[in-house]
Amino acid sequence: MLNRATNALYWMSRYLERAESTARLIEVNLHLSLDLPGEEDTWKAVVETTGDREHFHSHFEDAQREAVLGFLAFDSGNPNSVLECVKAARENARTVREYLPTEAWEGINSLHLQVKQAASSAGALTHLEEAVNNVRAGGRQLEGALEAAFSRDEGWYFGQLGRQCERADQTSRLVDVNHRLLENRHEEPSHALRWEAVLKSAAGLQMYRRRHGATEGSRVAEFLILDPTFPRSLAFALRQAEESLRAVTGTAPGQFKNAAEKALGKLAAELRYTDFDDVLSPGVHHWLDSFQSRLNGVGVEIQKTYFDGPASQGAEQEAAQQQ
């Protein structure tokens, strides 16, 4: 496939995953705010989790509920808002429409129209929960359509690579921000409730409870970072990303042919041989900060190696991803 096509499929998947992740974050924290009214740090944490703190505070002084919701859901000036992510996913899909199953293209186009209509309607925030629910449901339907009807060729593997890299990035931010917020607040009545909200934001509450039972902060962090079977853990996502990249070139496990495979392979391998004491030793925030930096480096190497360098659209998208 042409680099243009694989680049678009990679970014289409990243933007769809980002839109769904942000929609879930909004929905979970809407419900959390009903249980913990008046706690502004809930919305500060949401803005930090999406990586948009500086951009947000360049327009708003305080992280008030309505300001955060509008900014993350429908703000056309925020490249990471649900609206703009769905728009970017749709635009990338449009450029490679001939490669996509018809159901997938129609689903992406329909999702874009729904979010655009919700954003432009009077009193948009009053219908916000319905809108983010549609994004979450639409994301799952699209994933199913691609899974069922997309040929397992380069386009499929680059799409999977984008999805898994974005998933690892979103989960690492979620754990990092909330661990810093909650690590010294064990005695507060809301402590377990907040960690349950973290698990819900990663669609992991039921799977966590099956494995560990009661909600406990360090176990939640360990589960979302290192669990080898949960699809949104860092370890699982990076293993899937590595397998997708190897499938493109036919590289054998444990080997690499270029800088992108080397960077991703090293990071995935380190997670396989990491236990939670290795995370606790330098501190969870320090470990995750290093992980995020290295994951961004993997994205840069993928762009340079497979998509002819960070020129034009690719550079702009990579910059948006790192915000």
C-alpha atoms as a PDB file:
ATOM      1  CA  MET A   1       0.000   0.000   0.000  1.00  0.00           C
ATOM      2  CA  LEU A   2       1.042   3.594  -0.541  1.00  0.00           C
ATOM      3  CA  ASN A   3       2.535   5.460   2.399  1.00  0.00           C
ATOM      4  CA  ARG A   4      -0.313   7.951   2.099  1.00  0.00           C
ATOM      5  CA  ALA A   5      -2.861   5.207   2.681  1.00  0.00           C
ATOM      6  CA  THR A   6      -1.101   3.514   5.594  1.00  0.00           C
ATOM      7  CA  ASN A   7      -0.482   6.910   7.219  1.00  0.00           C
ATOM      8  CA  ALA A   8      -4.186   7.762   6.966  1.00  0.00           C
ATOM      9  CA  LEU A   9      -5.290   4.401   8.370  1.00  0.00           C
ATOM     10  CA  TYR A  10      -2.822   4.695  11.244  1.00  0.00           C
ATOM     11  CA  TRP A  11      -4.096   8.165  12.150  1.00  0.00           C
ATOM     12  CA  MET A  12      -7.738   7.313  11.551  1.00  0.00           C
ATOM     13  CA  SER A  13      -7.421   4.613  14.202  1.00  0.00           C
ATOM     14  CA  ARG A  14      -5.540   6.854  16.616  1.00  0.00           C
ATOM     15  CA  TYR A  15      -8.153   9.588  16.375  1.00  0.00           C
ATOM     16  CA  LEU A  16     -11.065   7.173  16.775  1.00  0.00           C
ATOM     17  CA  GLU A  17      -9.438   5.678  19.875  1.00  0.00           C
ATOM     18  CA  ARG A  18      -8.747   9.148  21.274  1.00  0.00           C
ATOM     19  CA  ALA A  19     -12.324  10.282  20.675  1.00  0.00           C
ATOM     20  CA  GLU A  20     -13.734   7.205  22.387  1.00  0.00           C
ATOM     21  CA  SER A  21     -11.313   7.521  25.309  1.00  0.00           C
ATOM     22  CA  THR A  22     -12.222  11.172  25.861  1.00  0.00           C
ATOM     23  CA  ALA A  23     -15.942  10.393  25.552  1.00  0.00           C
ATOM     24  CA  ARG A  24     -15.638   7.686  28.204  1.00  0.00           C
ATOM     25  CA  LEU A  25     -13.639  10.021  30.459  1.00  0.00           C
ATOM     26  CA  ILE A  26     -16.357  12.673  30.169  1.00  0.00           C
ATOM     27  CA  GLU A  27     -19.172  10.219  30.849  1.00  0.00           C
ATOM     28  CA  VAL A  28     -17.497   8.645  33.888  1.00  0.00           C
ATOM     29  CA  ASN A  29     -16.661  11.993  35.453  1.00  0.00           C
ATOM     30  CA  LEU A  30     -20.150  13.348  34.832  1.00  0.00           C
ATOM     31  CA  HIS A  31     -21.414  10.529  37.021  1.00  0.00           C
ATOM     32  CA  LEU A  32     -18.587  10.971  39.536  1.00  0.00           C
ATOM     33  CA  SER A  33     -19.413  14.663  39.917  1.00  0.00           C
ATOM     34  CA  LEU A  34     -22.920  13.696  41.041  1.00  0.00           C
ATOM     35  CA  ASP A  35     -21.422  11.605  43.842  1.00  0.00           C
ATOM     36  CA  LEU A  36     -18.720  14.163  44.682  1.00  0.00           C
ATOM     37  CA  PRO A  37     -20.325  17.561  44.033  1.00  0.00           C
ATOM     38  CA  GLY A  38     -18.223  20.698  44.363  1.00  0.00           C
ATOM     39  CA  GLU A  39     -14.825  18.981  44.027  1.00  0.00           C
ATOM     40  CA  GLU A  40     -12.985  21.037  41.418  1.00  0.00           C
ATOM     41  CA  ASP A  41      -9.981  18.705  41.354  1.00  0.00           C
ATOM     42  CA  THR A  42     -12.178  16.180  39.525  1.00  0.00           C
ATOM     43  CA  TRP A  43     -12.254  18.433  36.459  1.00  0.00           C
ATOM     44  CA  LYS A  44      -8.614  19.510  36.837  1.00  0.00           C
ATOM     45  CA  ALA A  45      -7.663  15.833  36.670  1.00  0.00           C
ATOM     46  CA  VAL A  46      -9.780  15.321  33.551  1.00  0.00           C
ATOM     47  CA  VAL A  47      -8.038  18.168  31.705  1.00  0.00           C
ATOM     48  CA  GLU A  48      -4.614  16.888  32.769  1.00  0.00           C
ATOM     49  CA  THR A  49      -5.459  13.354  31.679  1.00  0.00           C
ATOM     50  CA  THR A  50      -6.126  14.490  28.109  1.00  0.00           C
ATOM     51  CA  GLY A  51      -2.834  16.421  28.090  1.00  0.00           C
ATOM     52  CA  ASP A  52      -4.585  19.730  27.432  1.00  0.00           C
ATOM     53  CA  ARG A  53      -3.902  21.673  30.641  1.00  0.00           C
ATOM     54  CA  GLU A  54      -1.852  24.494  29.081  1.00  0.00           C
ATOM     55  CA  HIS A  55      -4.214  24.891  26.154  1.00  0.00           C
ATOM     56  CA  PHE A  56      -7.240  24.886  28.444  1.00  0.00           C
ATOM     57  CA  HIS A  57      -5.818  27.481  30.828  1.00  0.00           C
ATOM     58  CA  SER A  58      -4.908  29.752  27.933  1.00  0.00           C
ATOM     59  CA  HIS A  59      -8.673  30.184  27.515  1.00  0.00           C
ATOM     60  CA  PHE A  60     -10.104  29.510  30.976  1.00  0.00           C
ATOM     61  CA  GLU A  61      -8.871  30.510  34.411  1.00  0.00           C
ATOM     62  CA  ASP A  62     -10.450  27.707  36.443  1.00  0.00           C
ATOM     63  CA  ALA A  63     -11.333  24.095  35.654  1.00  0.00           C
ATOM     64  CA  GLN A  64     -15.059  24.544  36.163  1.00  0.00           C
ATOM     65  CA  ARG A  65     -17.417  21.773  35.077  1.00  0.00           C
ATOM     66  CA  GLU A  66     -19.110  23.518  32.146  1.00  0.00           C
ATOM     67  CA  ALA A  67     -15.856  24.952  30.800  1.00  0.00           C
ATOM     68  CA  VAL A  68     -14.097  21.572  30.866  1.00  0.00           C
ATOM     69  CA  LEU A  69     -17.019  19.719  29.316  1.00  0.00           C
ATOM     70  CA  GLY A  70     -17.405  22.203  26.479  1.00  0.00           C
ATOM     71  CA  PHE A  71     -13.656  22.268  25.835  1.00  0.00           C
ATOM     72  CA  LEU A  72     -13.246  18.485  25.716  1.00  0.00           C
ATOM     73  CA  ALA A  73     -16.464  17.627  23.928  1.00  0.00           C
ATOM     74  CA  PHE A  74     -17.261  20.233  21.296  1.00  0.00           C
ATOM     75  CA  ASP A  75     -14.546  22.916  21.151  1.00  0.00           C
ATOM     76  CA  SER A  76     -13.434  23.309  17.527  1.00  0.00           C
ATOM     77  CA  GLY A  77     -10.314  25.113  18.761  1.00  0.00           C
ATOM     78  CA  ASN A  78      -9.174  22.088  20.761  1.00  0.00           C
ATOM     79  CA  PRO A  79      -7.600  19.499  18.410  1.00  0.00           C
ATOM     80  CA  ASN A  80      -8.137  16.800  21.039  1.00  0.00           C
ATOM     81  CA  SER A  81     -11.846  17.456  21.620  1.00  0.00           C
ATOM     82  CA  VAL A  82     -14.255  14.665  20.740  1.00  0.00           C
ATOM     83  CA  LEU A  83     -15.611  16.762  17.880  1.00  0.00           C
ATOM     84  CA  GLU A  84     -12.200  17.446  16.333  1.00  0.00           C
ATOM     85  CA  CYS A  85     -10.941  13.880  16.813  1.00  0.00           C
ATOM     86  CA  VAL A  86     -13.990  12.426  15.080  1.00  0.00           C
ATOM     87  CA  LYS A  87     -13.615  15.046  12.330  1.00  0.00           C
ATOM     88  CA  ALA A  88      -9.930  14.146  11.857  1.00  0.00           C
ATOM     89  CA  ALA A  89     -10.730  10.416  11.832  1.00  0.00           C
ATOM     90  CA  ARG A  90     -13.412  10.984   9.219  1.00  0.00           C
ATOM     91  CA  GLU A  91     -11.069  13.076   7.040  1.00  0.00           C
ATOM     92  CA  ASN A  92      -8.358  10.409   7.166  1.00  0.00           C
ATOM     93  CA  ALA A  93     -10.950   7.739   6.369  1.00  0.00           C
ATOM     94  CA  ARG A  94     -12.240   9.787   3.414  1.00  0.00           C
ATOM     95  CA  THR A  95      -8.794   9.835   1.805  1.00  0.00           C
ATOM     96  CA  VAL A  96      -8.601   6.015   1.918  1.00  0.00           C
ATOM     97  CA  ARG A  97     -12.265   5.228   1.439  1.00  0.00           C
ATOM     98  CA  GLU A  98     -11.458   2.669  -1.250  1.00  0.00           C
ATOM     99  CA  TYR A  99      -9.492   0.586   1.263  1.00  0.00           C
ATOM    100  CA  LEU A 100     -12.180   0.506   3.952  1.00  0.00           C
ATOM    101  CA  PRO A 101     -15.155  -1.862   4.264  1.00  0.00           C
ATOM    102  CA  THR A 102     -18.302   0.024   3.251  1.00  0.00           C
ATOM    103  CA  GLU A 103     -19.849  -0.454   6.697  1.00  0.00           C
ATOM    104  CA  ALA A 104     -16.811   1.117   8.356  1.00  0.00           C
ATOM    105  CA  TRP A 105     -16.825   4.203   6.146  1.00  0.00           C
ATOM    106  CA  GLU A 106     -20.564   4.670   6.606  1.00  0.00           C
ATOM    107  CA  GLY A 107     -20.155   4.266  10.368  1.00  0.00           C
ATOM    108  CA  ILE A 108     -17.390   6.875  10.599  1.00  0.00           C
ATOM    109  CA  ASN A 109     -19.345   9.290   8.427  1.00  0.00           C
ATOM    110  CA  SER A 110     -22.513   8.788  10.473  1.00  0.00           C
ATOM    111  CA  LEU A 111     -20.624   9.273  13.733  1.00  0.00           C
ATOM    112  CA  HIS A 112     -19.127  12.525  12.444  1.00  0.00           C
ATOM    113  CA  LEU A 113     -22.565  13.831  11.465  1.00  0.00           C
ATOM    114  CA  GLN A 114     -24.017  12.931  14.879  1.00  0.00           C
ATOM    115  CA  VAL A 115     -21.244  14.666  16.834  1.00  0.00           C
ATOM    116  CA  LYS A 116     -21.295  17.698  14.520  1.00  0.00           C
ATOM    117  CA  GLN A 117     -25.062  18.034  14.942  1.00  0.00           C
ATOM    118  CA  ALA A 118     -24.799  17.671  18.735  1.00  0.00           C
ATOM    119  CA  ALA A 119     -22.079  20.336  18.885  1.00  0.00           C
ATOM    120  CA  SER A 120     -24.085  22.820  16.827  1.00  0.00           C
ATOM    121  CA  SER A 121     -27.409  22.310  18.611  1.00  0.00           C
ATOM    122  CA  ALA A 122     -28.751  24.859  21.057  1.00  0.00           C
ATOM    123  CA  GLY A 123     -27.830  23.945  24.618  1.00  0.00           C
ATOM    124  CA  ALA A 124     -25.337  21.356  23.422  1.00  0.00           C
ATOM    125  CA  LEU A 125     -24.147  20.495  26.934  1.00  0.00           C
ATOM    126  CA  THR A 126     -27.655  19.487  27.967  1.00  0.00           C
ATOM    127  CA  HIS A 127     -27.402  16.616  25.463  1.00  0.00           C
ATOM    128  CA  LEU A 128     -23.772  15.849  26.228  1.00  0.00           C
ATOM    129  CA  GLU A 129     -24.281  12.465  27.871  1.00  0.00           C
ATOM    130  CA  GLU A 130     -26.253  11.234  24.867  1.00  0.00           C
ATOM    131  CA  ALA A 131     -23.542  12.512  22.516  1.00  0.00           C
ATOM    132  CA  VAL A 132     -20.658  10.829  24.329  1.00  0.00           C
ATOM    133  CA  ASN A 133     -22.713   7.646  24.599  1.00  0.00           C
ATOM    134  CA  ASN A 134     -23.096   7.705  20.814  1.00  0.00           C
ATOM    135  CA  VAL A 135     -19.336   8.116  20.400  1.00  0.00           C
ATOM    136  CA  ARG A 136     -18.616   5.167  22.671  1.00  0.00           C
ATOM    137  CA  ALA A 137     -21.198   2.971  20.969  1.00  0.00           C
ATOM    138  CA  GLY A 138     -20.079   4.112  17.540  1.00  0.00           C
ATOM    139  CA  GLY A 139     -16.471   3.310  18.352  1.00  0.00           C
ATOM    140  CA  ARG A 140     -17.343  -0.252  19.328  1.00  0.00           C
ATOM    141  CA  GLN A 141     -19.480  -0.715  16.193  1.00  0.00           C
ATOM    142  CA  LEU A 142     -16.674   0.579  13.988  1.00  0.00           C
ATOM    143  CA  GLU A 143     -14.158  -1.708  15.645  1.00  0.00           C
ATOM    144  CA  GLY A 144     -16.513  -4.612  14.995  1.00  0.00           C
ATOM    145  CA  ALA A 145     -17.025  -3.633  11.350  1.00  0.00           C
ATOM    146  CA  LEU A 146     -13.271  -3.413  10.771  1.00  0.00           C
ATOM    147  CA  GLU A 147     -12.630  -6.676  12.614  1.00  0.00           C
ATOM    148  CA  ALA A 148     -15.226  -8.530  10.545  1.00  0.00           C
ATOM    149  CA  ALA A 149     -14.563  -7.181   7.065  1.00  0.00           C
ATOM    150  CA  PHE A 150     -11.079  -5.628   6.747  1.00  0.00           C
ATOM    151  CA  SER A 151      -8.526  -7.795   4.923  1.00  0.00           C
ATOM    152  CA  ARG A 152      -5.478  -8.563   7.057  1.00  0.00           C
ATOM    153  CA  ASP A 153      -3.057  -6.571   4.937  1.00  0.00           C
ATOM    154  CA  GLU A 154      -0.747  -3.623   5.637  1.00  0.00           C
ATOM    155  CA  GLY A 155      -3.661  -1.259   6.091  1.00  0.00           C
ATOM    156  CA  TRP A 156      -5.180  -3.440   8.795  1.00  0.00           C
ATOM    157  CA  TYR A 157      -1.891  -3.752  10.681  1.00  0.00           C
ATOM    158  CA  PHE A 158      -1.124  -0.043  10.550  1.00  0.00           C
ATOM    159  CA  GLY A 159      -4.629   0.648  11.816  1.00  0.00           C
ATOM    160  CA  GLN A 160      -4.063  -1.750  14.701  1.00  0.00           C
ATOM    161  CA  LEU A 161      -0.675  -0.193  15.383  1.00  0.00           C
ATOM    162  CA  GLY A 162      -2.257   3.251  15.658  1.00  0.00           C
ATOM    163  CA  ARG A 163      -5.080   2.033  17.897  1.00  0.00           C
ATOM    164  CA  GLN A 164      -2.754   0.245  20.312  1.00  0.00           C
ATOM    165  CA  CYS A 165      -0.212   3.077  20.546  1.00  0.00           C
ATOM    166  CA  GLU A 166      -3.010   5.545  21.282  1.00  0.00           C
ATOM    167  CA  ARG A 167      -4.547   3.179  23.830  1.00  0.00           C
ATOM    168  CA  ALA A 168      -1.242   2.855  25.696  1.00  0.00           C
ATOM    169  CA  ASP A 169      -0.832   6.626  25.703  1.00  0.00           C
ATOM    170  CA  GLN A 170      -4.338   7.244  27.049  1.00  0.00           C
ATOM    171  CA  THR A 171      -4.057   4.630  29.790  1.00  0.00           C
ATOM    172  CA  SER A 172      -0.644   5.873  30.928  1.00  0.00           C
ATOM    173  CA  ARG A 173      -1.983   9.428  31.265  1.00  0.00           C
ATOM    174  CA  LEU A 174      -5.044   8.216  33.144  1.00  0.00           C
ATOM    175  CA  VAL A 175      -2.985   6.307  35.717  1.00  0.00           C
ATOM    176  CA  ASP A 176      -0.321   8.991  36.054  1.00  0.00           C
ATOM    177  CA  VAL A 177      -2.689  11.890  36.763  1.00  0.00           C
ATOM    178  CA  ASN A 178      -4.934   9.999  39.150  1.00  0.00           C
ATOM    179  CA  HIS A 179      -2.130   8.299  41.055  1.00  0.00           C
ATOM    180  CA  ARG A 180      -0.595  11.724  41.748  1.00  0.00           C
ATOM    181  CA  LEU A 181      -3.998  13.028  42.818  1.00  0.00           C
ATOM    182  CA  LEU A 182      -4.887  10.121  45.091  1.00  0.00           C
ATOM    183  CA  GLU A 183      -1.666   8.612  46.456  1.00  0.00           C
ATOM    184  CA  ASN A 184      -1.764  10.515  49.773  1.00  0.00           C
ATOM    185  CA  ARG A 185      -5.534  10.470  50.250  1.00  0.00           C
ATOM    186  CA  HIS A 186      -6.117   6.889  51.373  1.00  0.00           C
ATOM    187  CA  GLU A 187      -8.214   7.873  54.375  1.00  0.00           C
ATOM    188  CA  GLU A 188     -10.722   9.961  52.449  1.00  0.00           C
ATOM    189  CA  PRO A 189     -14.182   8.402  51.999  1.00  0.00           C
ATOM    190  CA  SER A 190     -14.066   9.112  48.254  1.00  0.00           C
ATOM    191  CA  HIS A 191     -10.740   7.311  47.692  1.00  0.00           C
ATOM    192  CA  ALA A 192     -12.142   3.967  46.478  1.00  0.00           C
ATOM    193  CA  LEU A 193     -14.856   5.724  44.464  1.00  0.00           C
ATOM    194  CA  ARG A 194     -12.274   7.743  42.563  1.00  0.00           C
ATOM    195  CA  TRP A 195     -10.209   4.656  41.736  1.00  0.00           C
ATOM    196  CA  GLU A 196     -13.358   2.928  40.536  1.00  0.00           C
ATOM    197  CA  ALA A 197     -13.881   5.907  38.213  1.00  0.00           C
ATOM    198  CA  VAL A 198     -10.331   5.399  36.891  1.00  0.00           C
ATOM    199  CA  LEU A 199     -11.135   1.772  36.115  1.00  0.00           C
ATOM    200  CA  LYS A 200     -14.400   2.738  34.436  1.00  0.00           C
ATOM    201  CA  SER A 201     -12.525   5.303  32.326  1.00  0.00           C
ATOM    202  CA  ALA A 202     -10.385   2.429  31.056  1.00  0.00           C
ATOM    203  CA  ALA A 203     -13.436   0.124  30.697  1.00  0.00           C
ATOM    204  CA  GLY A 204     -11.789  -2.138  33.265  1.00  0.00           C
ATOM    205  CA  LEU A 205     -13.854  -2.169  36.451  1.00  0.00           C
ATOM    206  CA  GLN A 206     -15.442  -5.601  35.993  1.00  0.00           C
ATOM    207  CA  MET A 207     -12.218  -7.258  34.820  1.00  0.00           C
ATOM    208  CA  TYR A 208     -10.317  -5.750  37.739  1.00  0.00           C
ATOM    209  CA  ARG A 209     -12.890  -6.993  40.237  1.00  0.00           C
ATOM    210  CA  ARG A 210     -12.769 -10.495  38.797  1.00  0.00           C
ATOM    211  CA  ARG A 211      -9.022 -10.571  39.401  1.00  0.00           C
ATOM    212  CA  HIS A 212      -8.563  -8.499  42.574  1.00  0.00           C
ATOM    213  CA  GLY A 213     -11.909  -7.865  44.244  1.00  0.00           C
ATOM    214  CA  ALA A 214     -11.824  -4.730  46.399  1.00  0.00           C
ATOM    215  CA  THR A 215     -10.626  -1.494  44.825  1.00  0.00           C
ATOM    216  CA  GLU A 216      -7.159  -0.506  46.058  1.00  0.00           C
ATOM    217  CA  GLY A 217      -5.052   2.188  44.433  1.00  0.00           C
ATOM    218  CA  SER A 218      -1.738   0.412  43.965  1.00  0.00           C
ATOM    219  CA  ARG A 219      -3.471  -2.679  42.595  1.00  0.00           C
ATOM    220  CA  VAL A 220      -5.448  -0.568  40.139  1.00  0.00           C
ATOM    221  CA  ALA A 221      -2.220   1.055  38.932  1.00  0.00           C
ATOM    222  CA  GLU A 222      -0.508  -2.331  38.614  1.00  0.00           C
ATOM    223  CA  PHE A 223      -3.505  -3.776  36.745  1.00  0.00           C
ATOM    224  CA  LEU A 224      -3.638  -0.931  34.205  1.00  0.00           C
ATOM    225  CA  ILE A 225       0.121  -0.872  33.684  1.00  0.00           C
ATOM    226  CA  LEU A 226       1.222  -4.506  33.727  1.00  0.00           C
ATOM    227  CA  ASP A 227      -1.717  -6.905  33.427  1.00  0.00           C
ATOM    228  CA  PRO A 228      -0.875  -9.147  30.434  1.00  0.00           C
ATOM    229  CA  THR A 229      -4.493 -10.058  29.642  1.00  0.00           C
ATOM    230  CA  PHE A 230      -6.451  -6.803  29.983  1.00  0.00           C
ATOM    231  CA  PRO A 231      -6.753  -5.105  26.531  1.00  0.00           C
ATOM    232  CA  ARG A 232      -6.180  -1.553  27.775  1.00  0.00           C
ATOM    233  CA  SER A 233      -3.176  -2.193  29.983  1.00  0.00           C
ATOM    234  CA  LEU A 234       0.137  -0.788  28.800  1.00  0.00           C
ATOM    235  CA  ALA A 235       1.695  -4.250  28.615  1.00  0.00           C
ATOM    236  CA  PHE A 236      -1.111  -5.706  26.515  1.00  0.00           C
ATOM    237  CA  ALA A 237      -1.400  -2.724  24.164  1.00  0.00           C
ATOM    238  CA  LEU A 238       2.335  -2.590  23.469  1.00  0.00           C
ATOM    239  CA  ARG A 239       2.493  -6.323  22.828  1.00  0.00           C
ATOM    240  CA  GLN A 240      -0.304  -5.980  20.264  1.00  0.00           C
ATOM    241  CA  ALA A 241       1.379  -2.934  18.707  1.00  0.00           C
ATOM    242  CA  GLU A 242       4.672  -4.821  18.407  1.00  0.00           C
ATOM    243  CA  GLU A 243       2.972  -7.796  16.773  1.00  0.00           C
ATOM    244  CA  SER A 244       1.219  -5.503  14.285  1.00  0.00           C
ATOM    245  CA  LEU A 245       4.463  -3.791  13.320  1.00  0.00           C
ATOM    246  CA  ARG A 246       6.270  -7.104  12.898  1.00  0.00           C
ATOM    247  CA  ALA A 247       3.444  -8.329  10.670  1.00  0.00           C
ATOM    248  CA  VAL A 248       4.103  -5.454   8.256  1.00  0.00           C
ATOM    249  CA  THR A 249       7.718  -6.471   7.593  1.00  0.00           C
ATOM    250  CA  GLY A 250       7.661 -10.143   8.541  1.00  0.00           C
ATOM    251  CA  THR A 251      10.284  -9.632  11.222  1.00  0.00           C
ATOM    252  CA  ALA A 252      10.765 -12.591  13.562  1.00  0.00           C
ATOM    253  CA  PRO A 253      10.109 -12.115  17.299  1.00  0.00           C
ATOM    254  CA  GLY A 254      13.111 -10.707  19.112  1.00  0.00           C
ATOM    255  CA  GLN A 255      14.541  -9.094  15.961  1.00  0.00           C
ATOM    256  CA  PHE A 256      14.165  -5.708  14.282  1.00  0.00           C
ATOM    257  CA  LYS A 257      14.732  -4.215  10.845  1.00  0.00           C
ATOM    258  CA  ASN A 258      14.506  -0.497  11.535  1.00  0.00           C
ATOM    259  CA  ALA A 259      14.507   2.127  14.260  1.00  0.00           C
ATOM    260  CA  ALA A 260      10.732   1.990  14.752  1.00  0.00           C
ATOM    261  CA  GLU A 261      10.731  -1.766  15.360  1.00  0.00           C
ATOM    262  CA  LYS A 262      13.711  -1.422  17.676  1.00  0.00           C
ATOM    263  CA  ALA A 263      12.176   1.355  19.788  1.00  0.00           C
ATOM    264  CA  LEU A 264       8.785  -0.345  20.076  1.00  0.00           C
ATOM    265  CA  GLY A 265      10.297  -3.786  20.664  1.00  0.00           C
ATOM    266  CA  LYS A 266      12.524  -2.548  23.485  1.00  0.00           C
ATOM    267  CA  LEU A 267       9.647  -0.796  25.234  1.00  0.00           C
ATOM    268  CA  ALA A 268       7.296  -3.773  24.879  1.00  0.00           C
ATOM    269  CA  ALA A 269       9.988  -6.212  26.075  1.00  0.00           C
ATOM    270  CA  GLU A 270      10.778  -4.109  29.134  1.00  0.00           C
ATOM    271  CA  LEU A 271       7.119  -4.161  30.128  1.00  0.00           C
ATOM    272  CA  ARG A 272       7.058  -7.947  29.835  1.00  0.00           C
ATOM    273  CA  TYR A 273       9.924  -8.181  32.309  1.00  0.00           C
ATOM    274  CA  THR A 274       8.744  -5.434  34.672  1.00  0.00           C
ATOM    275  CA  ASP A 275       7.040  -6.059  37.981  1.00  0.00           C
ATOM    276  CA  PHE A 276       5.303  -3.424  40.061  1.00  0.00           C
ATOM    277  CA  ASP A 277       8.272  -2.993  42.406  1.00  0.00           C
ATOM    278  CA  ASP A 278      10.205  -1.743  39.362  1.00  0.00           C
ATOM    279  CA  VAL A 279       7.509   0.896  38.909  1.00  0.00           C
ATOM    280  CA  LEU A 280       7.381   1.822  42.585  1.00  0.00           C
ATOM    281  CA  SER A 281      11.147   2.104  42.957  1.00  0.00           C
ATOM    282  CA  PRO A 282      11.595   5.355  40.982  1.00  0.00           C
ATOM    283  CA  GLY A 283       8.013   6.401  41.803  1.00  0.00           C
ATOM    284  CA  VAL A 284       4.904   5.789  39.716  1.00  0.00           C
ATOM    285  CA  HIS A 285       4.870   9.314  38.261  1.00  0.00           C
ATOM    286  CA  HIS A 286       8.570   9.198  37.326  1.00  0.00           C
ATOM    287  CA  TRP A 287       8.165   5.751  35.725  1.00  0.00           C
ATOM    288  CA  LEU A 288       5.088   6.768  33.751  1.00  0.00           C
ATOM    289  CA  ASP A 289       6.639  10.062  32.695  1.00  0.00           C
ATOM    290  CA  SER A 290       9.578   8.140  31.253  1.00  0.00           C
ATOM    291  CA  PHE A 291       7.211   5.673  29.588  1.00  0.00           C
ATOM    292  CA  GLN A 292       5.212   8.462  27.944  1.00  0.00           C
ATOM    293  CA  SER A 293       8.384  10.102  26.656  1.00  0.00           C
ATOM    294  CA  ARG A 294       9.594   6.842  25.154  1.00  0.00           C
ATOM    295  CA  LEU A 295       6.183   6.073  23.669  1.00  0.00           C
ATOM    296  CA  ASN A 296       6.197   9.479  21.975  1.00  0.00           C
ATOM    297  CA  GLY A 297       9.632   8.546  20.636  1.00  0.00           C
ATOM    298  CA  VAL A 298       8.165   5.358  19.175  1.00  0.00           C
ATOM    299  CA  GLY A 299       5.534   7.456  17.393  1.00  0.00           C
ATOM    300  CA  VAL A 300       8.220   9.706  15.923  1.00  0.00           C
ATOM    301  CA  GLU A 301      10.186   6.689  14.632  1.00  0.00           C
ATOM    302  CA  ILE A 302       7.051   5.151  13.092  1.00  0.00           C
ATOM    303  CA  GLN A 303       6.353   8.420  11.293  1.00  0.00           C
ATOM    304  CA  LYS A 304       9.927   8.758  10.029  1.00  0.00           C
ATOM    305  CA  THR A 305      10.348   5.121   9.036  1.00  0.00           C
ATOM    306  CA  TYR A 306       7.031   4.363   7.353  1.00  0.00           C
ATOM    307  CA  PHE A 307       5.433   7.648   6.357  1.00  0.00           C
ATOM    308  CA  ASP A 308       8.334   9.523   4.748  1.00  0.00           C
ATOM    309  CA  GLY A 309       9.188  11.772   7.666  1.00  0.00           C
ATOM    310  CA  PRO A 310       7.123  14.175   9.765  1.00  0.00           C
ATOM    311  CA  ALA A 311       6.197  16.402   6.843  1.00  0.00           C
ATOM    312  CA  SER A 312       2.915  18.155   6.203  1.00  0.00           C
ATOM    313  CA  GLN A 313      -0.104  16.399   7.686  1.00  0.00           C
ATOM    314  CA  GLY A 314       1.923  13.746   9.472  1.00  0.00           C
ATOM    315  CA  ALA A 315       3.910  16.333  11.429  1.00  0.00           C
ATOM    316  CA  GLU A 316       0.790  18.227  12.443  1.00  0.00           C
ATOM    317  CA  GLN A 317      -0.901  15.047  13.631  1.00  0.00           C
ATOM    318  CA  GLU A 318       2.138  13.922  15.596  1.00  0.00           C
ATOM    319  CA  ALA A 319       2.317  17.325  17.266  1.00  0.00           C
ATOM    320  CA  ALA A 320      -1.354  17.069  18.216  1.00  0.00           C
ATOM    321  CA  GLN A 321      -0.813  13.593  19.628  1.00  0.00           C
ATOM    322  CA  GLN A 322       1.964  14.822  21.910  1.00  0.00           C
ATOM    323  CA  GLN A 323       0.038  17.758  23.352  1.00  0.00           C
END
